[in-house]
C-alpha cells in the first residue's frame, strides 16, 4: 500500500489494518482522532475507581 493511499484512507476516516499471512495483527493506520487526551485519561481513572 502506498503512502498516498494510506493518507487518502486516513483523510476519509477509513482505518487500515496490517496483518501477517497468518492473520496476526501488526499495525493500524487511522485518521486524526478528535477529543482531549487528558479528558480521556480522567475518564479511564474514574472507570477504574468504580470497578474497585
PDB file of N, CA and C in Angstrom:
ATOM      1  N   UNK A   1       0.851  -1.155   0.000  1.00  0.00           N
ATOM      2  CA  UNK A   1       0.000   0.000   0.000  1.00  0.00           C
ATOM      3  C   UNK A   1       0.904   1.228   0.000  1.00  0.00           C
ATOM      4  N   UNK A   2       0.625   2.148  -0.882  1.00  0.00           N
ATOM      5  CA  UNK A   2       1.458   3.343  -0.999  1.00  0.00           C
ATOM      6  C   UNK A   2       1.142   4.351   0.109  1.00  0.00           C
ATOM      7  N   UNK A   3       2.102   5.210   0.429  1.00  0.00           N
ATOM      8  CA  UNK A   3       1.838   6.263   1.418  1.00  0.00           C
ATOM      9  C   UNK A   3       0.674   7.160   0.991  1.00  0.00           C
ATOM     10  N   UNK A   4       0.560   7.408  -0.317  1.00  0.00           N
ATOM     11  CA  UNK A   4      -0.543   8.229  -0.815  1.00  0.00           C
ATOM     12  C   UNK A   4      -1.883   7.583  -0.486  1.00  0.00           C
ATOM     13  N   UNK A   5      -2.010   6.281  -0.729  1.00  0.00           N
ATOM     14  CA  UNK A   5      -3.267   5.584  -0.455  1.00  0.00           C
ATOM     15  C   UNK A   5      -3.558   5.549   1.044  1.00  0.00           C
ATOM     16  N   UNK A   6      -2.519   5.384   1.870  1.00  0.00           N
ATOM     17  CA  UNK A   6      -2.728   5.421   3.321  1.00  0.00           C
ATOM     18  C   UNK A   6      -3.271   6.783   3.742  1.00  0.00           C
ATOM     19  N   UNK A   7      -2.699   7.850   3.197  1.00  0.00           N
ATOM     20  CA  UNK A   7      -3.173   9.196   3.502  1.00  0.00           C
ATOM     21  C   UNK A   7      -4.591   9.417   3.020  1.00  0.00           C
ATOM     22  N   UNK A   8      -4.891   8.922   1.831  1.00  0.00           N
ATOM     23  CA  UNK A   8      -6.230   9.025   1.252  1.00  0.00           C
ATOM     24  C   UNK A   8      -7.251   8.367   2.175  1.00  0.00           C
ATOM     25  N   UNK A   9      -6.940   7.172   2.648  1.00  0.00           N
ATOM     26  CA  UNK A   9      -7.846   6.453   3.553  1.00  0.00           C
ATOM     27  C   UNK A   9      -7.982   7.191   4.881  1.00  0.00           C
ATOM     28  N   UNK A  10      -6.875   7.653   5.430  1.00  0.00           N
ATOM     29  CA  UNK A  10      -6.901   8.342   6.719  1.00  0.00           C
ATOM     30  C   UNK A  10      -7.747   9.608   6.647  1.00  0.00           C
ATOM     31  N   UNK A  11      -7.635  10.359   5.566  1.00  0.00           N
ATOM     32  CA  UNK A  11      -8.424  11.583   5.404  1.00  0.00           C
ATOM     33  C   UNK A  11      -9.914  11.297   5.333  1.00  0.00           C
ATOM     34  N   UNK A  12     -10.273  10.112   4.892  1.00  0.00           N
ATOM     35  CA  UNK A  12     -11.688   9.743   4.745  1.00  0.00           C
ATOM     36  C   UNK A  12     -12.178   8.864   5.891  1.00  0.00           C
ATOM     37  N   UNK A  13     -11.400   8.838   6.960  1.00  0.00           N
ATOM     38  CA  UNK A  13     -11.767   8.103   8.175  1.00  0.00           C
ATOM     39  C   UNK A  13     -11.902   6.600   7.938  1.00  0.00           C
ATOM     40  N   UNK A  14     -11.047   6.063   7.064  1.00  0.00           N
ATOM     41  CA  UNK A  14     -11.010   4.624   6.798  1.00  0.00           C
ATOM     42  C   UNK A  14      -9.778   4.065   7.500  1.00  0.00           C
ATOM     43  N   UNK A  15      -9.984   3.180   8.443  1.00  0.00           N
ATOM     44  CA  UNK A  15      -8.881   2.561   9.171  1.00  0.00           C
ATOM     45  C   UNK A  15      -8.351   1.375   8.376  1.00  0.00           C
ATOM     46  N   UNK A  16      -7.029   1.286   8.270  1.00  0.00           N
ATOM     47  CA  UNK A  16      -6.387   0.193   7.543  1.00  0.00           C
ATOM     48  C   UNK A  16      -5.568  -0.618   8.547  1.00  0.00           C
ATOM     49  N   UNK A  17      -5.801  -1.915   8.592  1.00  0.00           N
ATOM     50  CA  UNK A  17      -5.058  -2.800   9.491  1.00  0.00           C
ATOM     51  C   UNK A  17      -4.116  -3.677   8.683  1.00  0.00           C
ATOM     52  N   UNK A  18      -2.938  -3.892   9.230  1.00  0.00           N
ATOM     53  CA  UNK A  18      -1.954  -4.759   8.596  1.00  0.00           C
ATOM     54  C   UNK A  18      -1.838  -6.037   9.420  1.00  0.00           C
ATOM     55  N   UNK A  19      -1.945  -7.177   8.746  1.00  0.00           N
ATOM     56  CA  UNK A  19      -1.896  -8.484   9.392  1.00  0.00           C
ATOM     57  C   UNK A  19      -0.800  -9.330   8.766  1.00  0.00           C
ATOM     58  N   UNK A  20      -0.304 -10.306   9.530  1.00  0.00           N
ATOM     59  CA  UNK A  20       0.643 -11.259   8.960  1.00  0.00           C
ATOM     60  C   UNK A  20      -0.122 -12.207   8.046  1.00  0.00           C
ATOM     61  N   UNK A  21       0.592 -13.050   7.361  1.00  0.00           N
ATOM     62  CA  UNK A  21      -0.071 -14.023   6.487  1.00  0.00           C
ATOM     63  C   UNK A  21      -0.924 -15.014   7.271  1.00  0.00           C
ATOM     64  N   UNK A  22      -0.703 -15.069   8.598  1.00  0.00           N
ATOM     65  CA  UNK A  22      -1.484 -15.965   9.458  1.00  0.00           C
ATOM     66  C   UNK A  22      -2.619 -15.239  10.180  1.00  0.00           C
ATOM     67  N   UNK A  23      -2.778 -13.951   9.881  1.00  0.00           N
ATOM     68  CA  UNK A  23      -3.867 -13.182  10.465  1.00  0.00           C
ATOM     69  C   UNK A  23      -3.538 -12.480  11.764  1.00  0.00           C
ATOM     70  N   UNK A  24      -2.280 -12.496  12.158  1.00  0.00           N
ATOM     71  CA  UNK A  24      -1.878 -11.824  13.399  1.00  0.00           C
ATOM     72  C   UNK A  24      -1.734 -10.321  13.147  1.00  0.00           C
ATOM     73  N   UNK A  25      -2.275  -9.527  14.058  1.00  0.00           N
ATOM     74  CA  UNK A  25      -2.251  -8.073  13.928  1.00  0.00           C
ATOM     75  C   UNK A  25      -0.827  -7.539  13.995  1.00  0.00           C
ATOM     76  N   UNK A  26      -0.500  -6.616  13.079  1.00  0.00           N
ATOM     77  CA  UNK A  26       0.807  -5.963  13.085  1.00  0.00           C
ATOM     78  C   UNK A  26       0.696  -4.478  13.414  1.00  0.00           C
ATOM     79  N   UNK A  27      -0.183  -3.783  12.692  1.00  0.00           N
ATOM     80  CA  UNK A  27      -0.282  -2.332  12.859  1.00  0.00           C
ATOM     81  C   UNK A  27      -1.608  -1.841  12.297  1.00  0.00           C
ATOM     82  N   UNK A  28      -1.897  -0.582  12.623  1.00  0.00           N
ATOM     83  CA  UNK A  28      -3.122   0.031  12.124  1.00  0.00           C
ATOM     84  C   UNK A  28      -2.815   1.475  11.750  1.00  0.00           C
ATOM     85  N   UNK A  29      -3.368   1.924  10.629  1.00  0.00           N
ATOM     86  CA  UNK A  29      -3.269   3.321  10.216  1.00  0.00           C
ATOM     87  C   UNK A  29      -4.660   3.910  10.368  1.00  0.00           C
ATOM     88  N   UNK A  30      -4.732   4.991  11.138  1.00  0.00           N
ATOM     89  CA  UNK A  30      -6.021   5.597  11.451  1.00  0.00           C
ATOM     90  C   UNK A  30      -5.912   7.099  11.247  1.00  0.00           C
ATOM     91  N   UNK A  31      -6.987   7.711  10.821  1.00  0.00           N
ATOM     92  CA  UNK A  31      -7.010   9.155  10.620  1.00  0.00           C
ATOM     93  C   UNK A  31      -6.948   9.903  11.940  1.00  0.00           C
ATOM     94  N   UNK A  32      -7.037  11.210  11.859  1.00  0.00           N
ATOM     95  CA  UNK A  32      -6.973  12.037  13.070  1.00  0.00           C
ATOM     96  C   UNK A  32      -8.036  11.637  14.091  1.00  0.00           C
ATOM     97  N   UNK A  33      -7.655  11.678  15.344  1.00  0.00           N
ATOM     98  CA  UNK A  33      -8.573  11.345  16.429  1.00  0.00           C
ATOM     99  C   UNK A  33      -8.954  12.645  17.124  1.00  0.00           C
ATOM    100  N   UNK A  34     -10.239  12.875  17.249  1.00  0.00           N
ATOM    101  CA  UNK A  34     -10.680  14.091  17.923  1.00  0.00           C
ATOM    102  C   UNK A  34     -10.898  13.799  19.398  1.00  0.00           C
ATOM    103  N   UNK A  35     -10.813  14.808  20.185  1.00  0.00           N
ATOM    104  CA  UNK A  35     -11.032  14.640  21.613  1.00  0.00           C
ATOM    105  C   UNK A  35      -9.826  15.088  22.404  1.00  0.00           C
ATOM    106  N   UNK A  36      -9.997  15.132  23.677  1.00  0.00           N
ATOM    107  CA  UNK A  36      -8.975  15.610  24.578  1.00  0.00           C
ATOM    108  C   UNK A  36      -8.350  14.422  25.300  1.00  0.00           C
ATOM    109  N   UNK A  37      -7.058  14.256  25.158  1.00  0.00           N
ATOM    110  CA  UNK A  37      -6.353  13.128  25.765  1.00  0.00           C
ATOM    111  C   UNK A  37      -6.445  13.182  27.287  1.00  0.00           C
ATOM    112  N   UNK A  38      -6.321  14.364  27.857  1.00  0.00           N
ATOM    113  CA  UNK A  38      -6.389  14.484  29.313  1.00  0.00           C
ATOM    114  C   UNK A  38      -7.772  14.098  29.825  1.00  0.00           C
ATOM    115  N   UNK A  39      -8.809  14.496  29.104  1.00  0.00           N
ATOM    116  CA  UNK A  39     -10.169  14.117  29.481  1.00  0.00           C
ATOM    117  C   UNK A  39     -10.334  12.606  29.421  1.00  0.00           C
ATOM    118  N   UNK A  40      -9.842  11.998  28.359  1.00  0.00           N
ATOM    119  CA  UNK A  40      -9.959  10.548  28.202  1.00  0.00           C
ATOM    120  C   UNK A  40      -9.241   9.817  29.335  1.00  0.00           C
ATOM    121  N   UNK A  41      -8.051  10.282  29.712  1.00  0.00           N
ATOM    122  CA  UNK A  41      -7.316   9.650  30.814  1.00  0.00           C
ATOM    123  C   UNK A  41      -8.103   9.746  32.115  1.00  0.00           C
ATOM    124  N   UNK A  42      -8.709  10.891  32.364  1.00  0.00           N
ATOM    125  CA  UNK A  42      -9.504  11.061  33.577  1.00  0.00           C
ATOM    126  C   UNK A  42     -10.723  10.139  33.566  1.00  0.00           C
ATOM    127  N   UNK A  43     -11.333   9.962  32.404  1.00  0.00           N
ATOM    128  CA  UNK A  43     -12.476   9.052  32.291  1.00  0.00           C
ATOM    129  C   UNK A  43     -12.056   7.621  32.623  1.00  0.00           C
ATOM    130  N   UNK A  44     -10.904   7.202  32.151  1.00  0.00           N
ATOM    131  CA  UNK A  44     -10.413   5.856  32.468  1.00  0.00           C
ATOM    132  C   UNK A  44     -10.132   5.717  33.963  1.00  0.00           C
ATOM    133  N   UNK A  45      -9.569   6.760  34.569  1.00  0.00           N
ATOM    134  CA  UNK A  45      -9.318   6.719  36.017  1.00  0.00           C
ATOM    135  C   UNK A  45     -10.616   6.539  36.794  1.00  0.00           C
ATOM    136  N   UNK A  46     -11.635   7.291  36.415  1.00  0.00           N
ATOM    137  CA  UNK A  46     -12.937   7.174  37.082  1.00  0.00           C
ATOM    138  C   UNK A  46     -13.500   5.769  36.916  1.00  0.00           C
ATOM    139  N   UNK A  47     -13.412   5.235  35.709  1.00  0.00           N
ATOM    140  CA  UNK A  47     -13.937   3.890  35.446  1.00  0.00           C
ATOM    141  C   UNK A  47     -13.200   2.852  36.287  1.00  0.00           C
ATOM    142  N   UNK A  48     -11.891   2.989  36.417  1.00  0.00           N
ATOM    143  CA  UNK A  48     -11.114   2.051  37.236  1.00  0.00           C
ATOM    144  C   UNK A  48     -11.510   2.148  38.701  1.00  0.00           C
ATOM    145  N   UNK A  49     -11.740   3.355  39.201  1.00  0.00           N
ATOM    146  CA  UNK A  49     -12.149   3.539  40.600  1.00  0.00           C
ATOM    147  C   UNK A  49     -13.512   2.911  40.865  1.00  0.00           C
ATOM    148  N   UNK A  50     -14.423   3.007  39.916  1.00  0.00           N
ATOM    149  CA  UNK A  50     -15.764   2.457  40.091  1.00  0.00           C
ATOM    150  C   UNK A  50     -15.752   0.934  40.147  1.00  0.00           C
ATOM    151  N   UNK A  51     -14.783   0.311  39.500  1.00  0.00           N
ATOM    152  CA  UNK A  51     -14.701  -1.155  39.460  1.00  0.00           C
ATOM    153  C   UNK A  51     -14.226  -1.734  40.784  1.00  0.00           C
ATOM    154  N   UNK A  52     -13.566  -0.929  41.602  1.00  0.00           N
ATOM    155  CA  UNK A  52     -12.993  -1.440  42.859  1.00  0.00           C
ATOM    156  C   UNK A  52     -13.962  -1.357  44.005  1.00  0.00           C
TER     157      UNK A  52
END
